[in-house]
């Protein structure tokens, strides 16, 4: 049967695996000392590093959601993520920051939700 061979997934070649592993090892070799330095310095240095990582993660999540036909609002995602990070940085004001973040999230996102046509599936994007 010739159709069965077409259904089998292609395995990456060993040279592609080695190249990928080499890039990962190089990334770890460069990034690990930087991360450890920021953790050792702590405080605002660590907050800056975590903000950068948070922005990169938000961009990656957005690209994955775009592939699934969702269109999240990027600036809104950044703002909400930063409120969550700030609440971790300031434990005494955590409840206030989370309340402000959740309140602003609802107040700013509902108008965006109602401005889109139903064919654009605004509920999926809002969630």
PDB file of N, CA and C in Angstrom:
ATOM      1  N   UNK A   1       0.835  -1.164   0.000  1.00  0.00           N
ATOM      2  CA  UNK A   1       0.000   0.000   0.000  1.00  0.00           C
ATOM      3  C   UNK A   1       0.887   1.236   0.000  1.00  0.00           C
ATOM      4  N   UNK A   2       0.708   2.070  -0.973  1.00  0.00           N
ATOM      5  CA  UNK A   2       1.555   3.258  -1.094  1.00  0.00           C
ATOM      6  C   UNK A   2       1.085   4.392  -0.207  1.00  0.00           C
ATOM      7  N   UNK A   3      -0.171   4.421   0.173  1.00  0.00           N
ATOM      8  CA  UNK A   3      -0.705   5.503   0.985  1.00  0.00           C
ATOM      9  C   UNK A   3      -0.184   5.502   2.417  1.00  0.00           C
ATOM     10  N   UNK A   4       0.217   4.330   2.935  1.00  0.00           N
ATOM     11  CA  UNK A   4       0.681   4.250   4.309  1.00  0.00           C
ATOM     12  C   UNK A   4       1.994   4.994   4.509  1.00  0.00           C
ATOM     13  N   UNK A   5       2.853   4.976   3.509  1.00  0.00           N
ATOM     14  CA  UNK A   5       4.140   5.643   3.638  1.00  0.00           C
ATOM     15  C   UNK A   5       3.957   7.161   3.727  1.00  0.00           C
ATOM     16  N   UNK A   6       2.929   7.694   3.052  1.00  0.00           N
ATOM     17  CA  UNK A   6       2.690   9.129   3.079  1.00  0.00           C
ATOM     18  C   UNK A   6       2.214   9.599   4.450  1.00  0.00           C
ATOM     19  N   UNK A   7       1.583   8.714   5.223  1.00  0.00           N
ATOM     20  CA  UNK A   7       1.053   9.096   6.520  1.00  0.00           C
ATOM     21  C   UNK A   7       2.107   9.080   7.615  1.00  0.00           C
ATOM     22  N   UNK A   8       3.216   8.405   7.406  1.00  0.00           N
ATOM     23  CA  UNK A   8       4.256   8.307   8.429  1.00  0.00           C
ATOM     24  C   UNK A   8       4.956   9.657   8.578  1.00  0.00           C
ATOM     25  N   UNK A   9       5.144  10.116   9.802  1.00  0.00           N
ATOM     26  CA  UNK A   9       5.830  11.396   9.995  1.00  0.00           C
ATOM     27  C   UNK A   9       7.303  11.279   9.635  1.00  0.00           C
ATOM     28  N   UNK A  10       7.833  12.378   9.120  1.00  0.00           N
ATOM     29  CA  UNK A  10       9.246  12.382   8.762  1.00  0.00           C
ATOM     30  C   UNK A  10      10.066  12.599  10.020  1.00  0.00           C
ATOM     31  N   UNK A  11      11.098  11.795  10.167  1.00  0.00           N
ATOM     32  CA  UNK A  11      11.987  11.934  11.308  1.00  0.00           C
ATOM     33  C   UNK A  11      13.103  12.898  10.926  1.00  0.00           C
ATOM     34  N   UNK A  12      13.458  13.807  11.825  1.00  0.00           N
ATOM     35  CA  UNK A  12      14.552  14.716  11.505  1.00  0.00           C
ATOM     36  C   UNK A  12      15.859  13.950  11.390  1.00  0.00           C
ATOM     37  N   UNK A  13      16.709  14.417  10.526  1.00  0.00           N
ATOM     38  CA  UNK A  13      17.986  13.745  10.345  1.00  0.00           C
ATOM     39  C   UNK A  13      18.850  13.966  11.578  1.00  0.00           C
ATOM     40  N   UNK A  14      19.860  13.113  11.734  1.00  0.00           N
ATOM     41  CA  UNK A  14      20.713  13.214  12.920  1.00  0.00           C
ATOM     42  C   UNK A  14      21.506  14.515  12.909  1.00  0.00           C
ATOM     43  N   UNK A  15      21.856  15.027  11.730  1.00  0.00           N
ATOM     44  CA  UNK A  15      22.591  16.291  11.685  1.00  0.00           C
ATOM     45  C   UNK A  15      21.695  17.460  12.104  1.00  0.00           C
ATOM     46  N   UNK A  16      20.387  17.387  11.780  1.00  0.00           N
ATOM     47  CA  UNK A  16      19.471  18.440  12.211  1.00  0.00           C
ATOM     48  C   UNK A  16      19.297  18.406  13.724  1.00  0.00           C
ATOM     49  N   UNK A  17      19.252  17.194  14.305  1.00  0.00           N
ATOM     50  CA  UNK A  17      19.149  17.069  15.761  1.00  0.00           C
ATOM     51  C   UNK A  17      20.391  17.637  16.439  1.00  0.00           C
ATOM     52  N   UNK A  18      21.568  17.310  15.894  1.00  0.00           N
ATOM     53  CA  UNK A  18      22.807  17.796  16.482  1.00  0.00           C
ATOM     54  C   UNK A  18      22.907  19.314  16.382  1.00  0.00           C
ATOM     55  N   UNK A  19      22.460  19.862  15.261  1.00  0.00           N
ATOM     56  CA  UNK A  19      22.495  21.310  15.087  1.00  0.00           C
ATOM     57  C   UNK A  19      21.575  21.989  16.088  1.00  0.00           C
ATOM     58  N   UNK A  20      20.381  21.425  16.282  1.00  0.00           N
ATOM     59  CA  UNK A  20      19.435  21.975  17.238  1.00  0.00           C
ATOM     60  C   UNK A  20      19.980  21.866  18.658  1.00  0.00           C
ATOM     61  N   UNK A  21      20.577  20.740  18.980  1.00  0.00           N
ATOM     62  CA  UNK A  21      21.140  20.569  20.313  1.00  0.00           C
ATOM     63  C   UNK A  21      22.327  21.499  20.529  1.00  0.00           C
ATOM     64  N   UNK A  22      23.102  21.735  19.481  1.00  0.00           N
ATOM     65  CA  UNK A  22      24.231  22.658  19.579  1.00  0.00           C
ATOM     66  C   UNK A  22      23.775  24.077  19.845  1.00  0.00           C
ATOM     67  N   UNK A  23      22.698  24.491  19.163  1.00  0.00           N
ATOM     68  CA  UNK A  23      22.153  25.829  19.394  1.00  0.00           C
ATOM     69  C   UNK A  23      21.602  25.957  20.803  1.00  0.00           C
ATOM     70  N   UNK A  24      20.940  24.926  21.269  1.00  0.00           N
ATOM     71  CA  UNK A  24      20.410  24.965  22.635  1.00  0.00           C
ATOM     72  C   UNK A  24      21.535  25.052  23.658  1.00  0.00           C
ATOM     73  N   UNK A  25      22.584  24.280  23.453  1.00  0.00           N
ATOM     74  CA  UNK A  25      23.724  24.300  24.382  1.00  0.00           C
ATOM     75  C   UNK A  25      24.394  25.674  24.365  1.00  0.00           C
ATOM     76  N   UNK A  26      24.545  26.273  23.195  1.00  0.00           N
ATOM     77  CA  UNK A  26      25.155  27.603  23.103  1.00  0.00           C
ATOM     78  C   UNK A  26      24.276  28.648  23.779  1.00  0.00           C
ATOM     79  N   UNK A  27      22.968  28.535  23.603  1.00  0.00           N
ATOM     80  CA  UNK A  27      22.052  29.473  24.252  1.00  0.00           C
ATOM     81  C   UNK A  27      22.142  29.354  25.764  1.00  0.00           C
ATOM     82  N   UNK A  28      22.193  28.131  26.260  1.00  0.00           N
ATOM     83  CA  UNK A  28      22.314  27.919  27.703  1.00  0.00           C
ATOM     84  C   UNK A  28      23.646  28.459  28.208  1.00  0.00           C
ATOM     85  N   UNK A  29      24.715  28.224  27.469  1.00  0.00           N
ATOM     86  CA  UNK A  29      26.037  28.685  27.894  1.00  0.00           C
ATOM     87  C   UNK A  29      26.093  30.210  27.985  1.00  0.00           C
ATOM     88  N   UNK A  30      25.375  30.909  27.121  1.00  0.00           N
ATOM     89  CA  UNK A  30      25.373  32.371  27.145  1.00  0.00           C
ATOM     90  C   UNK A  30      24.347  32.895  28.152  1.00  0.00           C
ATOM     91  N   UNK A  31      23.155  32.319  28.155  1.00  0.00           N
ATOM     92  CA  UNK A  31      22.059  32.868  28.955  1.00  0.00           C
ATOM     93  C   UNK A  31      22.180  32.544  30.442  1.00  0.00           C
ATOM     94  N   UNK A  32      22.688  31.393  30.786  1.00  0.00           N
ATOM     95  CA  UNK A  32      22.733  30.988  32.191  1.00  0.00           C
ATOM     96  C   UNK A  32      23.547  31.946  33.063  1.00  0.00           C
ATOM     97  N   UNK A  33      24.761  32.340  32.659  1.00  0.00           N
ATOM     98  CA  UNK A  33      25.485  33.301  33.496  1.00  0.00           C
ATOM     99  C   UNK A  33      24.765  34.645  33.619  1.00  0.00           C
ATOM    100  N   UNK A  34      24.112  35.077  32.570  1.00  0.00           N
ATOM    101  CA  UNK A  34      23.372  36.345  32.615  1.00  0.00           C
ATOM    102  C   UNK A  34      22.209  36.238  33.597  1.00  0.00           C
ATOM    103  N   UNK A  35      21.459  35.154  33.511  1.00  0.00           N
ATOM    104  CA  UNK A  35      20.323  34.954  34.416  1.00  0.00           C
ATOM    105  C   UNK A  35      20.811  34.861  35.857  1.00  0.00           C
ATOM    106  N   UNK A  36      21.877  34.111  36.091  1.00  0.00           N
ATOM    107  CA  UNK A  36      22.400  33.982  37.451  1.00  0.00           C
ATOM    108  C   UNK A  36      22.888  35.327  37.988  1.00  0.00           C
ATOM    109  N   UNK A  37      23.476  36.155  37.139  1.00  0.00           N
ATOM    110  CA  UNK A  37      23.910  37.484  37.562  1.00  0.00           C
ATOM    111  C   UNK A  37      22.714  38.335  37.984  1.00  0.00           C
ATOM    112  N   UNK A  38      21.656  38.317  37.185  1.00  0.00           N
ATOM    113  CA  UNK A  38      20.467  39.101  37.517  1.00  0.00           C
ATOM    114  C   UNK A  38      19.790  38.586  38.783  1.00  0.00           C
ATOM    115  N   UNK A  39      19.783  37.273  38.974  1.00  0.00           N
ATOM    116  CA  UNK A  39      19.209  36.709  40.196  1.00  0.00           C
ATOM    117  C   UNK A  39      20.053  37.118  41.398  1.00  0.00           C
ATOM    118  N   UNK A  40      21.365  37.093  41.250  1.00  0.00           N
ATOM    119  CA  UNK A  40      22.259  37.485  42.339  1.00  0.00           C
ATOM    120  C   UNK A  40      22.082  38.962  42.685  1.00  0.00           C
ATOM    121  N   UNK A  41      21.945  39.826  41.653  1.00  0.00           N
ATOM    122  CA  UNK A  41      21.744  41.258  41.907  1.00  0.00           C
ATOM    123  C   UNK A  41      20.377  41.516  42.523  1.00  0.00           C
ATOM    124  N   UNK A  42      19.379  40.767  42.065  1.00  0.00           N
ATOM    125  CA  UNK A  42      18.032  40.851  42.630  1.00  0.00           C
ATOM    126  C   UNK A  42      17.383  42.208  42.434  1.00  0.00           C
ATOM    127  N   UNK A  43      16.327  42.459  43.184  1.00  0.00           N
ATOM    128  CA  UNK A  43      15.631  43.746  43.168  1.00  0.00           C
ATOM    129  C   UNK A  43      15.163  44.174  41.788  1.00  0.00           C
ATOM    130  N   UNK A  44      15.488  45.422  41.456  1.00  0.00           N
ATOM    131  CA  UNK A  44      15.032  45.990  40.187  1.00  0.00           C
ATOM    132  C   UNK A  44      15.722  45.379  38.981  1.00  0.00           C
ATOM    133  N   UNK A  45      16.951  44.853  39.165  1.00  0.00           N
ATOM    134  CA  UNK A  45      17.628  44.179  38.053  1.00  0.00           C
ATOM    135  C   UNK A  45      16.864  42.913  37.657  1.00  0.00           C
ATOM    136  N   UNK A  46      16.473  42.159  38.666  1.00  0.00           N
ATOM    137  CA  UNK A  46      15.693  40.949  38.404  1.00  0.00           C
ATOM    138  C   UNK A  46      14.323  41.299  37.828  1.00  0.00           C
ATOM    139  N   UNK A  47      13.722  42.377  38.320  1.00  0.00           N
ATOM    140  CA  UNK A  47      12.438  42.828  37.785  1.00  0.00           C
ATOM    141  C   UNK A  47      12.568  43.176  36.303  1.00  0.00           C
ATOM    142  N   UNK A  48      13.667  43.842  35.927  1.00  0.00           N
ATOM    143  CA  UNK A  48      13.894  44.195  34.518  1.00  0.00           C
ATOM    144  C   UNK A  48      14.054  42.937  33.664  1.00  0.00           C
ATOM    145  N   UNK A  49      14.810  41.967  34.157  1.00  0.00           N
ATOM    146  CA  UNK A  49      14.978  40.714  33.412  1.00  0.00           C
ATOM    147  C   UNK A  49      13.650  39.991  33.263  1.00  0.00           C
ATOM    148  N   UNK A  50      12.885  39.921  34.341  1.00  0.00           N
ATOM    149  CA  UNK A  50      11.594  39.242  34.286  1.00  0.00           C
ATOM    150  C   UNK A  50      10.615  39.981  33.375  1.00  0.00           C
ATOM    151  N   UNK A  51      10.697  41.293  33.321  1.00  0.00           N
ATOM    152  CA  UNK A  51       9.854  42.058  32.399  1.00  0.00           C
ATOM    153  C   UNK A  51      10.193  41.705  30.957  1.00  0.00           C
ATOM    154  N   UNK A  52      11.489  41.619  30.657  1.00  0.00           N
ATOM    155  CA  UNK A  52      11.914  41.228  29.314  1.00  0.00           C
ATOM    156  C   UNK A  52      11.415  39.825  28.969  1.00  0.00           C
ATOM    157  N   UNK A  53      11.607  38.885  29.890  1.00  0.00           N
ATOM    158  CA  UNK A  53      11.162  37.502  29.656  1.00  0.00           C
ATOM    159  C   UNK A  53       9.643  37.461  29.489  1.00  0.00           C
ATOM    160  N   UNK A  54       8.934  38.218  30.292  1.00  0.00           N
ATOM    161  CA  UNK A  54       7.477  38.271  30.214  1.00  0.00           C
ATOM    162  C   UNK A  54       7.013  38.804  28.863  1.00  0.00           C
ATOM    163  N   UNK A  55       7.690  39.830  28.358  1.00  0.00           N
ATOM    164  CA  UNK A  55       7.338  40.378  27.042  1.00  0.00           C
ATOM    165  C   UNK A  55       7.594  39.355  25.940  1.00  0.00           C
ATOM    166  N   UNK A  56       8.698  38.645  26.027  1.00  0.00           N
ATOM    167  CA  UNK A  56       8.998  37.619  25.023  1.00  0.00           C
ATOM    168  C   UNK A  56       7.967  36.484  25.081  1.00  0.00           C
ATOM    169  N   UNK A  57       7.574  36.095  26.280  1.00  0.00           N
ATOM    170  CA  UNK A  57       6.580  35.037  26.428  1.00  0.00           C
ATOM    171  C   UNK A  57       5.214  35.492  25.905  1.00  0.00           C
ATOM    172  N   UNK A  58       4.876  36.749  26.138  1.00  0.00           N
ATOM    173  CA  UNK A  58       3.602  37.276  25.644  1.00  0.00           C
ATOM    174  C   UNK A  58       3.590  37.301  24.122  1.00  0.00           C
ATOM    175  N   UNK A  59       4.716  37.679  23.518  1.00  0.00           N
ATOM    176  CA  UNK A  59       4.807  37.672  22.056  1.00  0.00           C
ATOM    177  C   UNK A  59       4.675  36.246  21.509  1.00  0.00           C
ATOM    178  N   UNK A  60       5.304  35.299  22.167  1.00  0.00           N
ATOM    179  CA  UNK A  60       5.219  33.901  21.728  1.00  0.00           C
ATOM    180  C   UNK A  60       3.793  33.380  21.866  1.00  0.00           C
ATOM    181  N   UNK A  61       3.141  33.681  22.977  1.00  0.00           N
ATOM    182  CA  UNK A  61       1.750  33.258  23.156  1.00  0.00           C
ATOM    183  C   UNK A  61       0.853  33.882  22.088  1.00  0.00           C
ATOM    184  N   UNK A  62       1.084  35.143  21.771  1.00  0.00           N
ATOM    185  CA  UNK A  62       0.291  35.811  20.738  1.00  0.00           C
ATOM    186  C   UNK A  62       0.489  35.141  19.383  1.00  0.00           C
ATOM    187  N   UNK A  63       1.730  34.794  19.046  1.00  0.00           N
ATOM    188  CA  UNK A  63       1.963  34.145  17.750  1.00  0.00           C
ATOM    189  C   UNK A  63       1.289  32.776  17.695  1.00  0.00           C
ATOM    190  N   UNK A  64       1.277  32.046  18.820  1.00  0.00           N
ATOM    191  CA  UNK A  64       0.579  30.768  18.849  1.00  0.00           C
ATOM    192  C   UNK A  64      -0.928  30.958  18.715  1.00  0.00           C
ATOM    193  N   UNK A  65      -1.450  32.004  19.346  1.00  0.00           N
ATOM    194  CA  UNK A  65      -2.884  32.258  19.254  1.00  0.00           C
ATOM    195  C   UNK A  65      -3.282  32.709  17.841  1.00  0.00           C
ATOM    196  N   UNK A  66      -2.402  33.461  17.180  1.00  0.00           N
ATOM    197  CA  UNK A  66      -2.691  33.870  15.809  1.00  0.00           C
ATOM    198  C   UNK A  66      -2.758  32.656  14.883  1.00  0.00           C
ATOM    199  N   UNK A  67      -1.924  31.665  15.138  1.00  0.00           N
ATOM    200  CA  UNK A  67      -1.960  30.435  14.343  1.00  0.00           C
ATOM    201  C   UNK A  67      -3.265  29.682  14.546  1.00  0.00           C
ATOM    202  N   UNK A  68      -3.891  29.860  15.705  1.00  0.00           N
ATOM    203  CA  UNK A  68      -5.160  29.198  16.010  1.00  0.00           C
ATOM    204  C   UNK A  68      -6.355  30.094  15.668  1.00  0.00           C
ATOM    205  N   UNK A  69      -6.128  31.135  14.877  1.00  0.00           N
ATOM    206  CA  UNK A  69      -7.177  32.052  14.401  1.00  0.00           C
ATOM    207  C   UNK A  69      -7.773  32.932  15.495  1.00  0.00           C
ATOM    208  N   UNK A  70      -7.016  33.190  16.548  1.00  0.00           N
ATOM    209  CA  UNK A  70      -7.446  34.136  17.569  1.00  0.00           C
ATOM    210  C   UNK A  70      -6.647  35.419  17.378  1.00  0.00           C
ATOM    211  N   UNK A  71      -7.239  36.543  17.741  1.00  0.00           N
ATOM    212  CA  UNK A  71      -6.558  37.820  17.589  1.00  0.00           C
ATOM    213  C   UNK A  71      -6.567  38.586  18.911  1.00  0.00           C
ATOM    214  N   UNK A  72      -5.690  38.215  19.837  1.00  0.00           N
ATOM    215  CA  UNK A  72      -5.660  38.935  21.115  1.00  0.00           C
ATOM    216  C   UNK A  72      -5.072  40.330  20.921  1.00  0.00           C
ATOM    217  N   UNK A  73      -5.443  41.233  21.804  1.00  0.00           N
ATOM    218  CA  UNK A  73      -4.928  42.598  21.757  1.00  0.00           C
ATOM    219  C   UNK A  73      -3.581  42.609  22.485  1.00  0.00           C
ATOM    220  N   UNK A  74      -2.515  42.899  21.745  1.00  0.00           N
ATOM    221  CA  UNK A  74      -1.167  42.755  22.280  1.00  0.00           C
ATOM    222  C   UNK A  74      -0.887  43.728  23.425  1.00  0.00           C
ATOM    223  N   UNK A  75      -1.214  44.991  23.270  1.00  0.00           N
ATOM    224  CA  UNK A  75      -0.914  45.970  24.324  1.00  0.00           C
ATOM    225  C   UNK A  75      -1.653  45.624  25.604  1.00  0.00           C
ATOM    226  N   UNK A  76      -2.832  45.075  25.433  1.00  0.00           N
ATOM    227  CA  UNK A  76      -3.631  44.691  26.594  1.00  0.00           C
ATOM    228  C   UNK A  76      -2.987  43.504  27.314  1.00  0.00           C
ATOM    229  N   UNK A  77      -2.478  42.569  26.556  1.00  0.00           N
ATOM    230  CA  UNK A  77      -1.800  41.410  27.148  1.00  0.00           C
ATOM    231  C   UNK A  77      -0.553  41.841  27.907  1.00  0.00           C
ATOM    232  N   UNK A  78       0.219  42.773  27.324  1.00  0.00           N
ATOM    233  CA  UNK A  78       1.407  43.284  28.006  1.00  0.00           C
ATOM    234  C   UNK A  78       1.031  43.966  29.323  1.00  0.00           C
ATOM    235  N   UNK A  79       0.018  44.818  29.283  1.00  0.00           N
ATOM    236  CA  UNK A  79      -0.379  45.568  30.473  1.00  0.00           C
ATOM    237  C   UNK A  79      -0.832  44.639  31.593  1.00  0.00           C
ATOM    238  N   UNK A  80      -1.633  43.654  31.261  1.00  0.00           N
ATOM    239  CA  UNK A  80      -2.116  42.726  32.280  1.00  0.00           C
ATOM    240  C   UNK A  80      -0.970  41.889  32.849  1.00  0.00           C
ATOM    241  N   UNK A  81      -0.058  41.458  31.994  1.00  0.00           N
ATOM    242  CA  UNK A  81       1.091  40.686  32.464  1.00  0.00           C
ATOM    243  C   UNK A  81       1.980  41.527  33.382  1.00  0.00           C
ATOM    244  N   UNK A  82       2.155  42.803  33.053  1.00  0.00           N
ATOM    245  CA  UNK A  82       2.970  43.665  33.901  1.00  0.00           C
ATOM    246  C   UNK A  82       2.307  43.932  35.253  1.00  0.00           C
ATOM    247  N   UNK A  83       0.985  44.017  35.277  1.00  0.00           N
ATOM    248  CA  UNK A  83       0.296  44.156  36.561  1.00  0.00           C
ATOM    249  C   UNK A  83       0.541  42.921  37.424  1.00  0.00           C
ATOM    250  N   UNK A  84       0.510  41.750  36.817  1.00  0.00           N
ATOM    251  CA  UNK A  84       0.759  40.527  37.583  1.00  0.00           C
ATOM    252  C   UNK A  84       2.189  40.475  38.100  1.00  0.00           C
ATOM    253  N   UNK A  85       3.145  40.900  37.274  1.00  0.00           N
ATOM    254  CA  UNK A  85       4.543  40.922  37.702  1.00  0.00           C
ATOM    255  C   UNK A  85       4.755  41.958  38.806  1.00  0.00           C
ATOM    256  N   UNK A  86       4.121  43.112  38.673  1.00  0.00           N
ATOM    257  CA  UNK A  86       4.247  44.147  39.705  1.00  0.00           C
ATOM    258  C   UNK A  86       3.643  43.675  41.029  1.00  0.00           C
ATOM    259  N   UNK A  87       2.575  42.909  40.960  1.00  0.00           N
ATOM    260  CA  UNK A  87       1.986  42.400  42.202  1.00  0.00           C
ATOM    261  C   UNK A  87       2.920  41.416  42.897  1.00  0.00           C
ATOM    262  N   UNK A  88       3.755  40.726  42.134  1.00  0.00           N
ATOM    263  CA  UNK A  88       4.748  39.841  42.739  1.00  0.00           C
ATOM    264  C   UNK A  88       5.908  40.641  43.328  1.00  0.00           C
ATOM    265  N   UNK A  89       6.214  41.773  42.711  1.00  0.00           N
ATOM    266  CA  UNK A  89       7.332  42.596  43.180  1.00  0.00           C
ATOM    267  C   UNK A  89       6.971  43.361  44.454  1.00  0.00           C
ATOM    268  N   UNK A  90       5.728  43.742  44.603  1.00  0.00           N
ATOM    269  CA  UNK A  90       5.286  44.525  45.764  1.00  0.00           C
ATOM    270  C   UNK A  90       4.236  43.741  46.552  1.00  0.00           C
ATOM    271  N   UNK A  91       4.671  42.829  47.412  1.00  0.00           N
ATOM    272  CA  UNK A  91       3.705  41.980  48.116  1.00  0.00           C
ATOM    273  C   UNK A  91       2.761  42.749  49.046  1.00  0.00           C
ATOM    274  N   UNK A  92       3.199  43.904  49.566  1.00  0.00           N
ATOM    275  CA  UNK A  92       2.323  44.664  50.456  1.00  0.00           C
ATOM    276  C   UNK A  92       1.144  45.264  49.698  1.00  0.00           C
ATOM    277  N   UNK A  93       1.330  45.574  48.423  1.00  0.00           N
ATOM    278  CA  UNK A  93       0.270  46.170  47.612  1.00  0.00           C
ATOM    279  C   UNK A  93      -0.341  45.151  46.643  1.00  0.00           C
ATOM    280  N   UNK A  94      -0.094  43.878  46.869  1.00  0.00           N
ATOM    281  CA  UNK A  94      -0.530  42.843  45.931  1.00  0.00           C
ATOM    282  C   UNK A  94      -2.035  42.879  45.673  1.00  0.00           C
ATOM    283  N   UNK A  95      -2.814  42.928  46.717  1.00  0.00           N
ATOM    284  CA  UNK A  95      -4.265  42.910  46.562  1.00  0.00           C
ATOM    285  C   UNK A  95      -4.748  44.133  45.782  1.00  0.00           C
ATOM    286  N   UNK A  96      -4.179  45.296  46.093  1.00  0.00           N
ATOM    287  CA  UNK A  96      -4.571  46.512  45.383  1.00  0.00           C
ATOM    288  C   UNK A  96      -4.187  46.429  43.903  1.00  0.00           C
ATOM    289  N   UNK A  97      -2.962  45.968  43.616  1.00  0.00           N
ATOM    290  CA  UNK A  97      -2.521  45.881  42.220  1.00  0.00           C
ATOM    291  C   UNK A  97      -3.352  44.868  41.429  1.00  0.00           C
ATOM    292  N   UNK A  98      -3.651  43.738  42.045  1.00  0.00           N
ATOM    293  CA  UNK A  98      -4.471  42.743  41.353  1.00  0.00           C
ATOM    294  C   UNK A  98      -5.894  43.258  41.130  1.00  0.00           C
ATOM    295  N   UNK A  99      -6.424  43.992  42.095  1.00  0.00           N
ATOM    296  CA  UNK A  99      -7.762  44.567  41.928  1.00  0.00           C
ATOM    297  C   UNK A  99      -7.778  45.612  40.822  1.00  0.00           C
ATOM    298  N   UNK A 100      -6.773  46.479  40.802  1.00  0.00           N
ATOM    299  CA  UNK A 100      -6.684  47.492  39.742  1.00  0.00           C
ATOM    300  C   UNK A 100      -6.513  46.822  38.388  1.00  0.00           C
ATOM    301  N   UNK A 101      -5.634  45.833  38.319  1.00  0.00           N
ATOM    302  CA  UNK A 101      -5.403  45.135  37.052  1.00  0.00           C
ATOM    303  C   UNK A 101      -6.647  44.440  36.537  1.00  0.00           C
ATOM    304  N   UNK A 102      -7.357  43.746  37.412  1.00  0.00           N
ATOM    305  CA  UNK A 102      -8.585  43.054  36.989  1.00  0.00           C
ATOM    306  C   UNK A 102      -9.672  44.054  36.607  1.00  0.00           C
ATOM    307  N   UNK A 103      -9.794  45.133  37.384  1.00  0.00           N
ATOM    308  CA  UNK A 103     -10.804  46.150  37.060  1.00  0.00           C
ATOM    309  C   UNK A 103     -10.533  46.827  35.730  1.00  0.00           C
ATOM    310  N   UNK A 104      -9.277  47.208  35.510  1.00  0.00           N
ATOM    311  CA  UNK A 104      -8.934  47.832  34.230  1.00  0.00           C
ATOM    312  C   UNK A 104      -9.092  46.848  33.072  1.00  0.00           C
ATOM    313  N   UNK A 105      -8.770  45.596  33.327  1.00  0.00           N
ATOM    314  CA  UNK A 105      -8.918  44.584  32.282  1.00  0.00           C
ATOM    315  C   UNK A 105     -10.365  44.505  31.818  1.00  0.00           C
ATOM    316  N   UNK A 106     -11.282  44.491  32.763  1.00  0.00           N
ATOM    317  CA  UNK A 106     -12.693  44.413  32.391  1.00  0.00           C
ATOM    318  C   UNK A 106     -13.186  45.715  31.751  1.00  0.00           C
ATOM    319  N   UNK A 107     -12.820  46.845  32.348  1.00  0.00           N
ATOM    320  CA  UNK A 107     -13.297  48.128  31.832  1.00  0.00           C
ATOM    321  C   UNK A 107     -12.771  48.450  30.439  1.00  0.00           C
ATOM    322  N   UNK A 108     -11.536  48.052  30.157  1.00  0.00           N
ATOM    323  CA  UNK A 108     -10.958  48.362  28.847  1.00  0.00           C
ATOM    324  C   UNK A 108     -11.258  47.305  27.793  1.00  0.00           C
ATOM    325  N   UNK A 109     -11.462  46.073  28.222  1.00  0.00           N
ATOM    326  CA  UNK A 109     -11.649  45.015  27.228  1.00  0.00           C
ATOM    327  C   UNK A 109     -13.087  44.901  26.732  1.00  0.00           C
ATOM    328  N   UNK A 110     -14.058  45.227  27.565  1.00  0.00           N
ATOM    329  CA  UNK A 110     -15.448  45.116  27.109  1.00  0.00           C
ATOM    330  C   UNK A 110     -15.773  46.029  25.935  1.00  0.00           C
ATOM    331  N   UNK A 111     -15.337  47.288  25.921  1.00  0.00           N
ATOM    332  CA  UNK A 111     -15.607  48.092  24.717  1.00  0.00           C
ATOM    333  C   UNK A 111     -14.964  47.495  23.463  1.00  0.00           C
ATOM    334  N   UNK A 112     -13.761  46.942  23.605  1.00  0.00           N
ATOM    335  CA  UNK A 112     -13.128  46.290  22.450  1.00  0.00           C
ATOM    336  C   UNK A 112     -13.945  45.082  22.000  1.00  0.00           C
ATOM    337  N   UNK A 113     -14.503  44.381  22.962  1.00  0.00           N
ATOM    338  CA  UNK A 113     -15.322  43.206  22.674  1.00  0.00           C
ATOM    339  C   UNK A 113     -16.576  43.585  21.886  1.00  0.00           C
ATOM    340  N   UNK A 114     -17.240  44.651  22.301  1.00  0.00           N
ATOM    341  CA  UNK A 114     -18.500  45.024  21.662  1.00  0.00           C
ATOM    342  C   UNK A 114     -18.313  45.779  20.349  1.00  0.00           C
ATOM    343  N   UNK A 115     -17.096  46.245  20.073  1.00  0.00           N
ATOM    344  CA  UNK A 115     -16.848  46.973  18.826  1.00  0.00           C
ATOM    345  C   UNK A 115     -16.611  46.030  17.651  1.00  0.00           C
ATOM    346  N   UNK A 116     -16.373  44.767  17.904  1.00  0.00           N
ATOM    347  CA  UNK A 116     -16.115  43.812  16.823  1.00  0.00           C
ATOM    348  C   UNK A 116     -17.413  43.170  16.351  1.00  0.00           C
ATOM    349  N   UNK A 117     -17.416  42.809  15.089  1.00  0.00           N
ATOM    350  CA  UNK A 117     -18.579  42.139  14.513  1.00  0.00           C
ATOM    351  C   UNK A 117     -18.640  40.696  15.020  1.00  0.00           C
ATOM    352  N   UNK A 118     -19.853  40.124  15.131  1.00  0.00           N
ATOM    353  CA  UNK A 118     -19.971  38.741  15.616  1.00  0.00           C
ATOM    354  C   UNK A 118     -19.217  37.732  14.745  1.00  0.00           C
ATOM    355  N   UNK A 119     -19.066  38.032  13.454  1.00  0.00           N
ATOM    356  CA  UNK A 119     -18.352  37.101  12.569  1.00  0.00           C
ATOM    357  C   UNK A 119     -16.871  37.000  12.931  1.00  0.00           C
ATOM    358  N   UNK A 120     -16.356  38.003  13.626  1.00  0.00           N
ATOM    359  CA  UNK A 120     -14.939  37.997  13.999  1.00  0.00           C
ATOM    360  C   UNK A 120     -14.678  37.218  15.282  1.00  0.00           C
ATOM    361  N   UNK A 121     -15.705  36.627  15.846  1.00  0.00           N
ATOM    362  CA  UNK A 121     -15.613  35.830  17.069  1.00  0.00           C
ATOM    363  C   UNK A 121     -14.947  36.608  18.200  1.00  0.00           C
ATOM    364  N   UNK A 122     -15.547  37.703  18.623  1.00  0.00           N
ATOM    365  CA  UNK A 122     -14.910  38.538  19.648  1.00  0.00           C
ATOM    366  C   UNK A 122     -14.821  37.845  21.009  1.00  0.00           C
ATOM    367  N   UNK A 123     -15.744  36.956  21.317  1.00  0.00           N
ATOM    368  CA  UNK A 123     -15.689  36.271  22.610  1.00  0.00           C
ATOM    369  C   UNK A 123     -14.434  35.412  22.730  1.00  0.00           C
ATOM    370  N   UNK A 124     -14.065  34.738  21.648  1.00  0.00           N
ATOM    371  CA  UNK A 124     -12.842  33.931  21.664  1.00  0.00           C
ATOM    372  C   UNK A 124     -11.620  34.810  21.889  1.00  0.00           C
ATOM    373  N   UNK A 125     -11.571  35.946  21.211  1.00  0.00           N
ATOM    374  CA  UNK A 125     -10.427  36.847  21.355  1.00  0.00           C
ATOM    375  C   UNK A 125     -10.401  37.483  22.735  1.00  0.00           C
ATOM    376  N   UNK A 126     -11.574  37.803  23.273  1.00  0.00           N
ATOM    377  CA  UNK A 126     -11.631  38.427  24.585  1.00  0.00           C
ATOM    378  C   UNK A 126     -11.133  37.460  25.662  1.00  0.00           C
ATOM    379  N   UNK A 127     -11.515  36.212  25.547  1.00  0.00           N
ATOM    380  CA  UNK A 127     -11.099  35.212  26.539  1.00  0.00           C
ATOM    381  C   UNK A 127      -9.622  34.992  26.519  1.00  0.00           C
TER     382      UNK A 127
END
